[in-house]
Amino acid sequence: MILRILLLVFFFSASAWADDNTDDLFNYSKKQDEALVVKVIASDLIVLEDGRRIKLIGVESLGPPPVQIVKYDDKGRVIEQPVEPTIPLEEQALTYAQELLENKKVKLEYDEDATDPNGRLYAYVYLPDGRMANAELLRMGFVKLRIILPNVKYQDKLSEAYQEAKKEKRGLEGE
């Protein structure tokens, strides 16, 4: 009888401990989460304080800023390239995303498919003022709209933001 009681106490203690740790280790199993953004790697990819990488749902980065190629003449001297008066859109997009997200405590909301094949988490990212960063980046024309099934919860909201950028000829849509 005492052995049974001890086994029951052990069983319930172990399962309660496992539940507590599971929540800490696998926050994406919940539908929402809060975290501090410490770095923006691309306009659609952020790093949280705990090291998790979050790919913003419904958007795709324009890509890395273009690399300036240095050309040389036959004597090895640098051939001066014309200086472009504007900052490339990819750099503007990254700068905007950094200003929008870095060092901000954000709310993350997960959809049906929480991770990609590389183990990154997919999320809708909400700023402290309640705006969705995914939609803001689209609204400014700094990212492409990319809806991938089954993550379609806010497809209409994201499409609306994309259409606004297109109508106003902002960013990518203004080129």
N, C-alpha and C. Protein backbone atom coordinates (compact mmCIF):
# COMPACT_ATOMS: atom_id res chain seq x y z
N MET A 1 0.82 -1.20 0.00
CA MET A 1 0.00 0.00 0.00
C MET A 1 0.86 1.26 0.00
N ILE A 2 1.87 1.30 0.84
CA ILE A 2 2.77 2.45 0.91
C ILE A 2 3.50 2.62 -0.42
N LEU A 3 3.90 1.52 -1.02
CA LEU A 3 4.57 1.57 -2.31
C LEU A 3 3.66 2.19 -3.37
N ARG A 4 2.39 1.83 -3.37
CA ARG A 4 1.45 2.41 -4.32
C ARG A 4 1.30 3.91 -4.12
N ILE A 5 1.21 4.33 -2.87
CA ILE A 5 1.08 5.76 -2.57
C ILE A 5 2.32 6.51 -3.05
N LEU A 6 3.50 5.95 -2.77
CA LEU A 6 4.74 6.59 -3.21
C LEU A 6 4.81 6.66 -4.74
N LEU A 7 4.39 5.60 -5.41
CA LEU A 7 4.39 5.62 -6.87
C LEU A 7 3.42 6.67 -7.41
N LEU A 8 2.24 6.79 -6.81
CA LEU A 8 1.28 7.81 -7.24
C LEU A 8 1.82 9.22 -7.03
N VAL A 9 2.44 9.45 -5.86
CA VAL A 9 3.03 10.77 -5.58
C VAL A 9 4.13 11.05 -6.60
N PHE A 10 4.99 10.10 -6.85
CA PHE A 10 6.06 10.27 -7.83
C PHE A 10 5.49 10.55 -9.22
N PHE A 11 4.50 9.79 -9.62
CA PHE A 11 3.89 9.94 -10.94
C PHE A 11 3.32 11.35 -11.12
N PHE A 12 2.53 11.84 -10.15
CA PHE A 12 1.92 13.15 -10.28
C PHE A 12 2.96 14.26 -10.19
N SER A 13 3.97 14.09 -9.36
CA SER A 13 5.04 15.10 -9.26
C SER A 13 5.82 15.16 -10.57
N ALA A 14 6.14 14.04 -11.14
CA ALA A 14 6.91 13.99 -12.39
C ALA A 14 6.12 14.60 -13.53
N SER A 15 4.81 14.31 -13.59
CA SER A 15 4.04 14.87 -14.70
C SER A 15 3.86 16.38 -14.54
N ALA A 16 3.71 16.86 -13.32
CA ALA A 16 3.61 18.31 -13.09
C ALA A 16 4.92 18.99 -13.46
N TRP A 17 6.05 18.41 -13.11
CA TRP A 17 7.36 18.96 -13.46
C TRP A 17 7.52 18.98 -14.97
N ALA A 18 7.13 17.92 -15.63
CA ALA A 18 7.25 17.84 -17.09
C ALA A 18 6.38 18.91 -17.75
N ASP A 19 5.17 19.13 -17.24
CA ASP A 19 4.29 20.16 -17.82
C ASP A 19 4.92 21.53 -17.69
N ASP A 20 5.50 21.86 -16.51
CA ASP A 20 6.15 23.16 -16.32
C ASP A 20 7.30 23.34 -17.29
N ASN A 21 8.15 22.36 -17.43
CA ASN A 21 9.30 22.47 -18.31
C ASN A 21 8.89 22.46 -19.78
N THR A 22 7.87 21.74 -20.13
CA THR A 22 7.41 21.71 -21.52
C THR A 22 6.99 23.10 -21.96
N ASP A 23 6.29 23.83 -21.08
CA ASP A 23 5.89 25.18 -21.43
C ASP A 23 7.09 26.06 -21.70
N ASP A 24 8.15 25.95 -20.90
CA ASP A 24 9.33 26.77 -21.09
C ASP A 24 10.09 26.38 -22.34
N LEU A 25 10.22 25.11 -22.60
CA LEU A 25 11.02 24.64 -23.73
C LEU A 25 10.30 24.78 -25.06
N PHE A 26 9.00 24.63 -25.06
CA PHE A 26 8.26 24.61 -26.31
C PHE A 26 7.14 25.63 -26.31
N ASN A 27 7.51 26.91 -26.17
CA ASN A 27 6.50 27.96 -26.12
C ASN A 27 5.64 27.98 -27.38
N TYR A 28 6.18 27.52 -28.50
CA TYR A 28 5.40 27.55 -29.73
C TYR A 28 4.26 26.55 -29.72
N SER A 29 4.22 25.66 -28.72
CA SER A 29 3.09 24.75 -28.64
C SER A 29 1.85 25.51 -28.14
N LYS A 30 2.07 26.67 -27.55
CA LYS A 30 0.96 27.53 -27.18
C LYS A 30 0.62 28.38 -28.40
N LYS A 31 -0.49 29.04 -28.37
CA LYS A 31 -0.88 29.89 -29.50
C LYS A 31 -0.26 31.28 -29.42
N GLN A 32 0.16 31.72 -28.21
CA GLN A 32 0.75 33.05 -28.06
C GLN A 32 1.93 33.00 -27.12
N ASP A 33 2.76 34.02 -27.26
CA ASP A 33 3.99 34.08 -26.49
C ASP A 33 4.45 35.53 -26.48
N GLU A 34 5.29 35.91 -25.53
CA GLU A 34 5.91 37.24 -25.51
C GLU A 34 7.41 37.07 -25.42
N ALA A 35 8.14 37.98 -26.08
CA ALA A 35 9.60 37.88 -26.06
C ALA A 35 10.23 39.19 -26.49
N LEU A 36 11.50 39.35 -26.17
CA LEU A 36 12.27 40.52 -26.56
C LEU A 36 13.03 40.22 -27.85
N VAL A 37 12.90 41.09 -28.84
CA VAL A 37 13.63 40.95 -30.10
C VAL A 37 15.00 41.59 -29.89
N VAL A 38 16.06 40.81 -30.11
CA VAL A 38 17.41 41.34 -29.95
C VAL A 38 18.09 41.65 -31.27
N LYS A 39 17.63 41.03 -32.36
CA LYS A 39 18.26 41.26 -33.65
C LYS A 39 17.28 40.99 -34.78
N VAL A 40 17.38 41.84 -35.80
CA VAL A 40 16.65 41.62 -37.05
C VAL A 40 17.69 41.19 -38.07
N ILE A 41 17.59 39.96 -38.55
CA ILE A 41 18.55 39.42 -39.51
C ILE A 41 18.18 39.84 -40.92
N ALA A 42 16.90 39.80 -41.22
CA ALA A 42 16.35 40.22 -42.51
C ALA A 42 14.99 40.82 -42.20
N SER A 43 14.38 41.45 -43.18
CA SER A 43 13.10 42.10 -42.90
C SER A 43 12.00 41.11 -42.56
N ASP A 44 12.26 39.81 -42.72
CA ASP A 44 11.26 38.79 -42.38
C ASP A 44 11.76 37.78 -41.35
N LEU A 45 12.92 38.05 -40.71
CA LEU A 45 13.52 37.08 -39.79
C LEU A 45 14.13 37.79 -38.60
N ILE A 46 13.68 37.41 -37.40
CA ILE A 46 14.17 38.04 -36.17
C ILE A 46 14.75 37.00 -35.22
N VAL A 47 15.57 37.48 -34.28
CA VAL A 47 16.13 36.63 -33.24
C VAL A 47 15.66 37.17 -31.90
N LEU A 48 15.18 36.26 -31.05
CA LEU A 48 14.69 36.63 -29.73
C LEU A 48 15.80 36.51 -28.70
N GLU A 49 15.57 37.09 -27.54
CA GLU A 49 16.54 37.09 -26.45
C GLU A 49 16.99 35.68 -26.07
N ASP A 50 16.08 34.71 -26.16
CA ASP A 50 16.42 33.33 -25.78
C ASP A 50 17.06 32.55 -26.94
N GLY A 51 17.34 33.22 -28.07
CA GLY A 51 18.02 32.58 -29.20
C GLY A 51 17.10 32.03 -30.27
N ARG A 52 15.81 31.99 -30.00
CA ARG A 52 14.89 31.47 -31.03
C ARG A 52 14.87 32.41 -32.23
N ARG A 53 14.76 31.79 -33.41
CA ARG A 53 14.62 32.56 -34.66
C ARG A 53 13.17 32.48 -35.09
N ILE A 54 12.62 33.63 -35.43
CA ILE A 54 11.23 33.71 -35.83
C ILE A 54 11.14 34.24 -37.26
N LYS A 55 10.47 33.48 -38.11
CA LYS A 55 10.19 33.89 -39.49
C LYS A 55 8.79 34.46 -39.48
N LEU A 56 8.62 35.69 -39.94
CA LEU A 56 7.31 36.32 -39.95
C LEU A 56 6.42 35.64 -40.99
N ILE A 57 5.22 35.28 -40.56
CA ILE A 57 4.26 34.59 -41.43
C ILE A 57 3.73 35.56 -42.49
N GLY A 58 3.61 35.07 -43.70
CA GLY A 58 2.94 35.81 -44.76
C GLY A 58 3.79 36.80 -45.52
N VAL A 59 5.05 36.92 -45.14
CA VAL A 59 5.92 37.88 -45.81
C VAL A 59 7.23 37.23 -46.21
N GLU A 60 7.86 37.81 -47.21
CA GLU A 60 9.17 37.32 -47.64
C GLU A 60 10.07 38.50 -47.91
N SER A 61 11.27 38.43 -47.37
CA SER A 61 12.27 39.47 -47.54
C SER A 61 12.61 39.65 -49.01
N LEU A 62 13.02 40.86 -49.36
CA LEU A 62 13.45 41.13 -50.72
C LEU A 62 14.82 40.51 -51.00
N GLY A 63 15.50 40.10 -49.94
CA GLY A 63 16.83 39.52 -50.11
C GLY A 63 17.86 40.42 -49.48
N PRO A 64 19.11 39.96 -49.43
CA PRO A 64 20.17 40.79 -48.83
C PRO A 64 20.46 42.00 -49.71
N PRO A 65 20.98 43.07 -49.12
CA PRO A 65 21.36 44.23 -49.92
C PRO A 65 22.37 43.82 -50.98
N PRO A 66 22.32 44.45 -52.15
CA PRO A 66 23.26 44.07 -53.20
C PRO A 66 24.70 44.38 -52.80
N VAL A 67 25.59 43.52 -53.23
CA VAL A 67 27.01 43.70 -52.96
C VAL A 67 27.59 44.56 -54.08
N GLN A 68 28.33 45.60 -53.69
CA GLN A 68 28.94 46.45 -54.70
C GLN A 68 30.18 45.74 -55.23
N ILE A 69 30.23 45.59 -56.53
CA ILE A 69 31.35 44.92 -57.18
C ILE A 69 32.37 45.98 -57.58
N VAL A 70 33.60 45.77 -57.14
CA VAL A 70 34.68 46.69 -57.47
C VAL A 70 35.34 46.18 -58.75
N LYS A 71 35.47 47.07 -59.72
CA LYS A 71 36.11 46.71 -60.99
C LYS A 71 37.48 47.38 -61.08
N TYR A 72 38.40 46.68 -61.74
CA TYR A 72 39.77 47.17 -61.87
C TYR A 72 40.11 47.28 -63.36
N ASP A 73 40.96 48.27 -63.67
CA ASP A 73 41.44 48.35 -65.06
C ASP A 73 42.62 47.41 -65.24
N ASP A 74 43.21 47.41 -66.44
CA ASP A 74 44.29 46.47 -66.74
C ASP A 74 45.57 46.73 -65.95
N LYS A 75 45.66 47.88 -65.27
CA LYS A 75 46.83 48.18 -64.44
C LYS A 75 46.53 47.96 -62.95
N GLY A 76 45.35 47.43 -62.66
CA GLY A 76 45.01 47.13 -61.27
C GLY A 76 44.42 48.29 -60.49
N ARG A 77 44.13 49.39 -61.16
CA ARG A 77 43.53 50.54 -60.47
C ARG A 77 42.01 50.37 -60.43
N VAL A 78 41.43 50.86 -59.36
CA VAL A 78 39.97 50.77 -59.20
C VAL A 78 39.30 51.69 -60.21
N ILE A 79 38.33 51.14 -60.92
CA ILE A 79 37.52 51.93 -61.84
C ILE A 79 36.37 52.50 -61.03
N GLU A 80 36.29 53.82 -61.00
CA GLU A 80 35.24 54.47 -60.23
C GLU A 80 33.87 54.13 -60.81
N GLN A 81 32.99 53.68 -59.93
CA GLN A 81 31.62 53.35 -60.33
C GLN A 81 30.73 54.54 -60.00
N PRO A 82 29.72 54.78 -60.83
CA PRO A 82 28.81 55.89 -60.50
C PRO A 82 28.11 55.60 -59.17
N VAL A 83 28.00 56.63 -58.36
CA VAL A 83 27.35 56.50 -57.07
C VAL A 83 25.85 56.68 -57.27
N GLU A 84 25.09 55.69 -56.78
CA GLU A 84 23.64 55.80 -56.89
C GLU A 84 23.14 56.72 -55.78
N PRO A 85 22.29 57.68 -56.14
CA PRO A 85 21.84 58.66 -55.14
C PRO A 85 20.88 58.10 -54.10
N THR A 86 20.27 56.96 -54.36
CA THR A 86 19.30 56.42 -53.40
C THR A 86 19.85 55.18 -52.72
N ILE A 87 19.33 54.92 -51.55
CA ILE A 87 19.69 53.71 -50.81
C ILE A 87 18.88 52.57 -51.41
N PRO A 88 19.52 51.43 -51.73
CA PRO A 88 18.75 50.31 -52.28
C PRO A 88 17.59 49.93 -51.36
N LEU A 89 16.50 49.51 -51.99
CA LEU A 89 15.29 49.17 -51.25
C LEU A 89 15.54 48.10 -50.18
N GLU A 90 16.42 47.14 -50.46
CA GLU A 90 16.69 46.08 -49.50
C GLU A 90 17.29 46.66 -48.21
N GLU A 91 18.17 47.65 -48.35
CA GLU A 91 18.76 48.29 -47.18
C GLU A 91 17.71 49.07 -46.41
N GLN A 92 16.83 49.78 -47.14
CA GLN A 92 15.74 50.51 -46.49
C GLN A 92 14.84 49.55 -45.72
N ALA A 93 14.54 48.41 -46.32
CA ALA A 93 13.67 47.42 -45.69
C ALA A 93 14.29 46.91 -44.39
N LEU A 94 15.57 46.59 -44.44
CA LEU A 94 16.24 46.08 -43.24
C LEU A 94 16.28 47.15 -42.15
N THR A 95 16.63 48.37 -42.52
CA THR A 95 16.68 49.47 -41.56
C THR A 95 15.32 49.70 -40.92
N TYR A 96 14.27 49.69 -41.73
CA TYR A 96 12.91 49.89 -41.21
C TYR A 96 12.54 48.77 -40.24
N ALA A 97 12.83 47.53 -40.63
CA ALA A 97 12.51 46.38 -39.77
C ALA A 97 13.28 46.46 -38.46
N GLN A 98 14.54 46.89 -38.51
CA GLN A 98 15.33 47.03 -37.28
C GLN A 98 14.73 48.09 -36.37
N GLU A 99 14.36 49.24 -36.94
CA GLU A 99 13.75 50.30 -36.13
C GLU A 99 12.41 49.86 -35.55
N LEU A 100 11.67 49.09 -36.32
CA LEU A 100 10.35 48.64 -35.90
C LEU A 100 10.41 47.60 -34.79
N LEU A 101 11.42 46.69 -34.86
CA LEU A 101 11.39 45.50 -34.01
C LEU A 101 12.51 45.37 -32.97
N GLU A 102 13.72 45.82 -33.28
CA GLU A 102 14.83 45.54 -32.37
C GLU A 102 14.63 46.21 -31.01
N ASN A 103 14.98 45.45 -29.97
CA ASN A 103 14.88 45.89 -28.57
C ASN A 103 13.45 46.19 -28.14
N LYS A 104 12.49 45.53 -28.78
CA LYS A 104 11.09 45.69 -28.42
C LYS A 104 10.58 44.36 -27.87
N LYS A 105 9.75 44.47 -26.85
CA LYS A 105 9.08 43.27 -26.34
C LYS A 105 7.83 43.09 -27.20
N VAL A 106 7.78 41.97 -27.90
CA VAL A 106 6.71 41.73 -28.85
C VAL A 106 5.85 40.56 -28.40
N LYS A 107 4.65 40.52 -28.94
CA LYS A 107 3.76 39.38 -28.73
C LYS A 107 3.83 38.54 -30.00
N LEU A 108 4.00 37.26 -29.83
CA LEU A 108 4.05 36.33 -30.96
C LEU A 108 2.76 35.53 -30.97
N GLU A 109 2.20 35.38 -32.15
CA GLU A 109 1.02 34.55 -32.31
C GLU A 109 1.32 33.52 -33.39
N TYR A 110 1.10 32.26 -33.06
CA TYR A 110 1.41 31.17 -33.97
C TYR A 110 0.15 30.73 -34.70
N ASP A 111 0.33 30.21 -35.89
CA ASP A 111 -0.80 29.72 -36.69
C ASP A 111 -0.75 28.20 -36.69
N GLU A 112 -1.31 27.57 -37.69
CA GLU A 112 -1.39 26.11 -37.74
C GLU A 112 -0.03 25.43 -37.79
N ASP A 113 0.86 25.92 -38.64
CA ASP A 113 2.18 25.32 -38.83
C ASP A 113 3.20 26.19 -38.11
N ALA A 114 3.65 25.76 -36.94
CA ALA A 114 4.50 26.60 -36.10
C ALA A 114 5.97 26.62 -36.51
N THR A 115 6.44 25.63 -37.25
CA THR A 115 7.85 25.60 -37.62
C THR A 115 8.05 25.27 -39.09
N ASP A 116 9.20 25.72 -39.60
CA ASP A 116 9.57 25.36 -40.98
C ASP A 116 10.54 24.18 -40.95
N PRO A 117 10.91 23.65 -42.10
CA PRO A 117 11.82 22.49 -42.11
C PRO A 117 13.19 22.75 -41.47
N ASN A 118 13.58 24.03 -41.36
CA ASN A 118 14.86 24.38 -40.73
C ASN A 118 14.75 24.57 -39.23
N GLY A 119 13.56 24.37 -38.68
CA GLY A 119 13.39 24.50 -37.23
C GLY A 119 13.08 25.91 -36.76
N ARG A 120 13.00 26.86 -37.69
CA ARG A 120 12.63 28.23 -37.30
C ARG A 120 11.14 28.25 -37.00
N LEU A 121 10.76 29.12 -36.11
CA LEU A 121 9.35 29.28 -35.78
C LEU A 121 8.71 30.27 -36.73
N TYR A 122 7.46 30.03 -37.09
CA TYR A 122 6.65 30.97 -37.87
C TYR A 122 5.72 31.69 -36.90
N ALA A 123 5.60 33.02 -37.04
CA ALA A 123 4.70 33.74 -36.14
C ALA A 123 4.24 35.05 -36.75
N TYR A 124 3.10 35.50 -36.25
CA TYR A 124 2.65 36.87 -36.46
C TYR A 124 3.26 37.63 -35.30
N VAL A 125 3.88 38.76 -35.57
CA VAL A 125 4.60 39.51 -34.54
C VAL A 125 3.89 40.83 -34.29
N TYR A 126 3.48 41.04 -33.04
CA TYR A 126 2.77 42.26 -32.67
C TYR A 126 3.67 43.18 -31.88
N LEU A 127 3.67 44.44 -32.25
CA LEU A 127 4.47 45.47 -31.59
C LEU A 127 3.81 45.87 -30.28
N PRO A 128 4.55 46.56 -29.39
CA PRO A 128 3.96 46.98 -28.11
C PRO A 128 2.69 47.83 -28.28
N ASP A 129 2.57 48.56 -29.40
CA ASP A 129 1.38 49.39 -29.61
C ASP A 129 0.22 48.61 -30.24
N GLY A 130 0.41 47.29 -30.46
CA GLY A 130 -0.67 46.45 -30.97
C GLY A 130 -0.67 46.23 -32.48
N ARG A 131 0.15 46.99 -33.21
CA ARG A 131 0.21 46.79 -34.66
C ARG A 131 0.92 45.48 -34.97
N MET A 132 0.51 44.84 -36.07
CA MET A 132 1.17 43.61 -36.51
C MET A 132 2.34 44.00 -37.41
N ALA A 133 3.56 43.62 -37.02
CA ALA A 133 4.77 43.96 -37.79
C ALA A 133 4.71 43.37 -39.20
N ASN A 134 4.18 42.17 -39.34
CA ASN A 134 4.06 41.53 -40.65
C ASN A 134 3.31 42.45 -41.61
N ALA A 135 2.17 42.99 -41.16
CA ALA A 135 1.34 43.87 -41.99
C ALA A 135 2.02 45.22 -42.22
N GLU A 136 2.71 45.75 -41.21
CA GLU A 136 3.38 47.04 -41.35
C GLU A 136 4.47 46.97 -42.42
N LEU A 137 5.23 45.90 -42.43
CA LEU A 137 6.28 45.73 -43.44
C LEU A 137 5.68 45.64 -44.84
N LEU A 138 4.56 44.94 -44.97
CA LEU A 138 3.86 44.87 -46.25
C LEU A 138 3.30 46.23 -46.65
N ARG A 139 2.71 46.92 -45.70
CA ARG A 139 2.08 48.23 -45.96
C ARG A 139 3.10 49.23 -46.49
N MET A 140 4.34 49.13 -46.02
CA MET A 140 5.40 50.03 -46.48
C MET A 140 6.04 49.56 -47.78
N GLY A 141 5.69 48.36 -48.22
CA GLY A 141 6.24 47.83 -49.47
C GLY A 141 7.63 47.26 -49.32
N PHE A 142 8.03 46.92 -48.08
CA PHE A 142 9.38 46.45 -47.83
C PHE A 142 9.54 44.93 -47.89
N VAL A 143 8.45 44.21 -48.02
CA VAL A 143 8.50 42.75 -48.14
C VAL A 143 7.47 42.32 -49.18
N LYS A 144 7.63 41.10 -49.66
CA LYS A 144 6.68 40.52 -50.61
C LYS A 144 5.62 39.75 -49.82
N LEU A 145 4.42 39.73 -50.36
CA LEU A 145 3.36 38.92 -49.77
C LEU A 145 3.59 37.47 -50.17
N ARG A 146 3.61 36.57 -49.18
CA ARG A 146 3.82 35.16 -49.47
C ARG A 146 3.00 34.33 -48.48
N ILE A 147 1.83 33.94 -48.91
CA ILE A 147 0.94 33.14 -48.08
C ILE A 147 1.21 31.67 -48.38
N ILE A 148 1.49 30.90 -47.34
CA ILE A 148 1.77 29.47 -47.49
C ILE A 148 0.81 28.70 -46.59
N LEU A 149 0.07 27.79 -47.19
CA LEU A 149 -0.84 26.95 -46.41
C LEU A 149 -0.05 26.13 -45.41
N PRO A 150 -0.54 25.90 -44.24
CA PRO A 150 -1.88 26.19 -43.73
C PRO A 150 -1.95 27.49 -42.94
N ASN A 151 -0.91 28.32 -42.98
CA ASN A 151 -0.88 29.55 -42.17
C ASN A 151 -1.61 30.69 -42.87
N VAL A 152 -2.92 30.68 -42.77
CA VAL A 152 -3.75 31.65 -43.49
C VAL A 152 -4.68 32.45 -42.57
N LYS A 153 -4.46 32.40 -41.28
CA LYS A 153 -5.36 33.05 -40.32
C LYS A 153 -5.57 34.53 -40.64
N TYR A 154 -4.51 35.25 -40.99
CA TYR A 154 -4.61 36.68 -41.27
C TYR A 154 -4.32 37.00 -42.74
N GLN A 155 -4.64 36.09 -43.60
CA GLN A 155 -4.40 36.27 -45.03
C GLN A 155 -5.07 37.56 -45.55
N ASP A 156 -6.30 37.81 -45.14
CA ASP A 156 -7.01 38.99 -45.62
C ASP A 156 -6.33 40.28 -45.15
N LYS A 157 -5.94 40.32 -43.89
CA LYS A 157 -5.28 41.51 -43.33
C LYS A 157 -3.95 41.77 -44.05
N LEU A 158 -3.19 40.71 -44.30
CA LEU A 158 -1.90 40.86 -44.97
C LEU A 158 -2.09 41.26 -46.43
N SER A 159 -3.07 40.69 -47.10
CA SER A 159 -3.36 41.04 -48.49
C SER A 159 -3.79 42.50 -48.59
N GLU A 160 -4.57 42.95 -47.63
CA GLU A 160 -5.02 44.35 -47.60
C GLU A 160 -3.82 45.30 -47.47
N ALA A 161 -2.88 44.97 -46.60
CA ALA A 161 -1.68 45.79 -46.42
C ALA A 161 -0.84 45.82 -47.69
N TYR A 162 -0.73 44.67 -48.34
CA TYR A 162 0.01 44.58 -49.60
C TYR A 162 -0.66 45.43 -50.68
N GLN A 163 -1.99 45.36 -50.76
CA GLN A 163 -2.74 46.15 -51.76
C GLN A 163 -2.58 47.65 -51.50
N GLU A 164 -2.50 48.04 -50.23
CA GLU A 164 -2.30 49.46 -49.90
C GLU A 164 -0.94 49.94 -50.43
N ALA A 165 0.11 49.14 -50.22
CA ALA A 165 1.44 49.50 -50.73
C ALA A 165 1.42 49.62 -52.25
N LYS A 166 0.73 48.70 -52.87
CA LYS A 166 0.63 48.68 -54.33
C LYS A 166 -0.10 49.93 -54.83
N LYS A 167 -1.23 50.24 -54.20
CA LYS A 167 -2.03 51.40 -54.60
C LYS A 167 -1.25 52.70 -54.40
N GLU A 168 -0.54 52.79 -53.28
CA GLU A 168 0.21 54.01 -52.96
C GLU A 168 1.62 54.02 -53.58
N LYS A 169 1.95 52.95 -54.29
CA LYS A 169 3.26 52.81 -54.96
C LYS A 169 4.42 52.99 -53.97
N ARG A 170 4.31 52.28 -52.85
CA ARG A 170 5.35 52.33 -51.82
C ARG A 170 6.33 51.19 -52.00
N GLY A 171 7.59 51.46 -51.70
CA GLY A 171 8.61 50.42 -51.64
C GLY A 171 8.70 49.60 -52.91
N LEU A 172 8.64 48.31 -52.74
CA LEU A 172 8.75 47.36 -53.85
C LEU A 172 7.71 47.65 -54.94
N GLU A 173 6.51 48.02 -54.52
CA GLU A 173 5.43 48.27 -55.47
C GLU A 173 5.58 49.60 -56.18
N GLY A 174 6.46 50.49 -55.66
CA GLY A 174 6.66 51.79 -56.29
C GLY A 174 7.73 51.76 -57.35
N GLU A 175 8.48 50.66 -57.43
CA GLU A 175 9.57 50.59 -58.39
C GLU A 175 9.07 50.33 -59.79
